[in-house]
C-alpha atoms as a PDB file:
ATOM      1  CA  MET A   1       0.000   0.000   0.000  1.00  0.00           C
ATOM      2  CA  SER A   2       1.433   3.366  -0.952  1.00  0.00           C
ATOM      3  CA  HIS A   3       0.995   6.516   1.081  1.00  0.00           C
ATOM      4  CA  THR A   4       1.134  10.164   0.212  1.00  0.00           C
ATOM      5  CA  ILE A   5       4.367  12.038   0.796  1.00  0.00           C
ATOM      6  CA  SER A   6       4.290  15.557   2.214  1.00  0.00           C
ATOM      7  CA  VAL A   7       7.263  17.897   2.067  1.00  0.00           C
ATOM      8  CA  VAL A   8       7.820  21.105   4.016  1.00  0.00           C
ATOM      9  CA  ALA A   9      10.775  23.282   3.035  1.00  0.00           C
ATOM     10  CA  VAL A  10      11.755  26.432   4.913  1.00  0.00           C
ATOM     11  CA  LEU A  11      13.811  28.910   2.901  1.00  0.00           C
ATOM     12  CA  LYS A  12      15.506  32.212   3.726  1.00  0.00           C
ATOM     13  CA  ALA A  13      16.249  34.554   0.828  1.00  0.00           C
ATOM     14  CA  LYS A  14      19.305  36.752   0.713  1.00  0.00           C
ATOM     15  CA  PRO A  15      18.507  40.436   1.274  1.00  0.00           C
ATOM     16  CA  GLY A  16      17.217  42.003  -1.929  1.00  0.00           C
ATOM     17  CA  MET A  17      16.525  38.650  -3.603  1.00  0.00           C
ATOM     18  CA  GLU A  18      12.812  38.588  -2.734  1.00  0.00           C
ATOM     19  CA  PRO A  19      11.599  39.329  -6.312  1.00  0.00           C
ATOM     20  CA  GLU A  20      13.794  36.561  -7.720  1.00  0.00           C
ATOM     21  CA  MET A  21      12.556  34.175  -5.020  1.00  0.00           C
ATOM     22  CA  ALA A  22       8.961  34.985  -5.942  1.00  0.00           C
ATOM     23  CA  GLU A  23       9.638  34.285  -9.616  1.00  0.00           C
ATOM     24  CA  GLN A  24      11.393  31.011  -8.836  1.00  0.00           C
ATOM     25  CA  ALA A  25       8.559  30.015  -6.485  1.00  0.00           C
ATOM     26  CA  ARG A  26       5.973  30.606  -9.219  1.00  0.00           C
ATOM     27  CA  SER A  27       8.054  28.693 -11.751  1.00  0.00           C
ATOM     28  CA  MET A  28       8.596  25.728  -9.418  1.00  0.00           C
ATOM     29  CA  ALA A  29       4.912  25.558  -8.513  1.00  0.00           C
ATOM     30  CA  GLU A  30       3.818  25.591 -12.148  1.00  0.00           C
ATOM     31  CA  ALA A  31       6.315  22.937 -13.239  1.00  0.00           C
ATOM     32  CA  SER A  32       5.732  20.727 -10.199  1.00  0.00           C
ATOM     33  CA  LEU A  33       1.930  20.848 -10.460  1.00  0.00           C
ATOM     34  CA  ALA A  34       2.273  19.591 -14.039  1.00  0.00           C
ATOM     35  CA  GLU A  35       4.120  16.475 -12.835  1.00  0.00           C
ATOM     36  CA  PRO A  36       2.216  13.187 -12.481  1.00  0.00           C
ATOM     37  CA  GLY A  37       1.458  12.525  -8.830  1.00  0.00           C
ATOM     38  CA  CYS A  38       1.753  16.115  -7.593  1.00  0.00           C
ATOM     39  CA  LEU A  39      -1.357  16.633  -5.475  1.00  0.00           C
ATOM     40  CA  SER A  40      -0.476  20.137  -4.290  1.00  0.00           C
ATOM     41  CA  TYR A  41       2.412  22.576  -4.302  1.00  0.00           C
ATOM     42  CA  ARG A  42       2.063  25.830  -2.378  1.00  0.00           C
ATOM     43  CA  ASN A  43       4.486  28.642  -1.644  1.00  0.00           C
ATOM     44  CA  TYR A  44       4.061  30.889   1.369  1.00  0.00           C
ATOM     45  CA  VAL A  45       5.914  34.006   2.439  1.00  0.00           C
ATOM     46  CA  ASP A  46       5.953  35.405   5.967  1.00  0.00           C
ATOM     47  CA  PRO A  47       4.180  38.801   5.811  1.00  0.00           C
ATOM     48  CA  ASP A  48       6.368  40.035   8.684  1.00  0.00           C
ATOM     49  CA  ASP A  49       9.602  38.840   7.041  1.00  0.00           C
ATOM     50  CA  PRO A  50       9.445  38.758   3.218  1.00  0.00           C
ATOM     51  CA  ARG A  51      12.759  36.895   3.123  1.00  0.00           C
ATOM     52  CA  SER A  52      11.200  33.874   4.902  1.00  0.00           C
ATOM     53  CA  TRP A  53       9.457  31.317   2.683  1.00  0.00           C
ATOM     54  CA  VAL A  54       7.765  27.977   3.268  1.00  0.00           C
ATOM     55  CA  VAL A  55       6.967  25.485   0.514  1.00  0.00           C
ATOM     56  CA  VAL A  56       4.393  22.752   1.225  1.00  0.00           C
ATOM     57  CA  GLU A  57       4.094  19.916  -1.279  1.00  0.00           C
ATOM     58  CA  GLU A  58       2.035  16.739  -1.379  1.00  0.00           C
ATOM     59  CA  TRP A  59       2.809  13.789  -3.636  1.00  0.00           C
ATOM     60  CA  ALA A  60       0.618  10.776  -4.391  1.00  0.00           C
ATOM     61  CA  ASP A  61       3.339   8.276  -3.506  1.00  0.00           C
ATOM     62  CA  GLN A  62       7.074   7.737  -3.122  1.00  0.00           C
ATOM     63  CA  ALA A  63       7.566   7.063  -6.851  1.00  0.00           C
ATOM     64  CA  SER A  64       6.017  10.432  -7.758  1.00  0.00           C
ATOM     65  CA  PHE A  65       8.206  12.219  -5.234  1.00  0.00           C
ATOM     66  CA  ASP A  66      11.312  10.383  -6.468  1.00  0.00           C
ATOM     67  CA  ALA A  67      10.517  11.443 -10.048  1.00  0.00           C
ATOM     68  CA  HIS A  68      10.146  15.042  -8.848  1.00  0.00           C
ATOM     69  CA  MET A  69      13.513  14.865  -7.108  1.00  0.00           C
ATOM     70  CA  ALA A  70      15.073  13.853 -10.456  1.00  0.00           C
ATOM     71  CA  SER A  71      13.229  16.505 -12.500  1.00  0.00           C
ATOM     72  CA  PRO A  72      15.161  19.074 -14.548  1.00  0.00           C
ATOM     73  CA  HIS A  73      13.245  22.018 -13.058  1.00  0.00           C
ATOM     74  CA  LEU A  74      14.191  20.975  -9.515  1.00  0.00           C
ATOM     75  CA  ALA A  75      17.844  20.573 -10.555  1.00  0.00           C
ATOM     76  CA  ALA A  76      17.781  24.075 -12.058  1.00  0.00           C
ATOM     77  CA  SER A  77      16.177  25.470  -8.902  1.00  0.00           C
ATOM     78  CA  LEU A  78      18.763  23.831  -6.673  1.00  0.00           C
ATOM     79  CA  ALA A  79      21.545  25.205  -8.870  1.00  0.00           C
ATOM     80  CA  ARG A  80      20.252  28.737  -8.214  1.00  0.00           C
ATOM     81  CA  SER A  81      20.079  28.191  -4.443  1.00  0.00           C
ATOM     82  CA  ALA A  82      23.535  29.645  -3.752  1.00  0.00           C
ATOM     83  CA  GLU A  83      22.530  32.830  -5.564  1.00  0.00           C
ATOM     84  CA  LEU A  84      19.123  33.224  -3.894  1.00  0.00           C
ATOM     85  CA  LEU A  85      19.342  31.729  -0.409  1.00  0.00           C
ATOM     86  CA  ALA A  86      21.032  33.124   2.680  1.00  0.00           C
ATOM     87  CA  GLU A  87      21.371  29.630   4.174  1.00  0.00           C
ATOM     88  CA  PRO A  88      20.702  26.028   3.181  1.00  0.00           C
ATOM     89  CA  PRO A  89      16.996  25.160   3.177  1.00  0.00           C
ATOM     90  CA  SER A  90      15.477  23.062   5.930  1.00  0.00           C
ATOM     91  CA  VAL A  91      13.528  20.235   4.304  1.00  0.00           C
ATOM     92  CA  LYS A  92      11.274  17.717   6.033  1.00  0.00           C
ATOM     93  CA  VAL A  93       9.796  14.770   4.152  1.00  0.00           C
ATOM     94  CA  LEU A  94       6.756  13.465   6.021  1.00  0.00           C
ATOM     95  CA  ALA A  95       4.527  10.412   5.806  1.00  0.00           C
ATOM     96  CA  PRO A  96       1.007  10.235   7.173  1.00  0.00           C
ATOM     97  CA  VAL A  97       0.241   8.483  10.428  1.00  0.00           C
ATOM     98  CA  VAL A  98      -1.716   5.386   9.497  1.00  0.00           C
END
């Protein structure tokens, strides 16, 4: 039996990189939502700290998430991380309690 996979990533943009972060967030959401097995992909920004971002994703199963992890758009996003992020992202991959 396969279970959904949820991912929560916490990101901190470098000062002044907020517009670029917003563009990358939109691009990642669009590309990820087009992938088979992507149930949801949402970007959030802290209204009190526009450099603080949270991404919440849900995938139908492990295979869908694995395919996402190997996707070209994720590789491109990760390659830009050094330019955009003030620190490495904190990523939690979660499974439902069954």
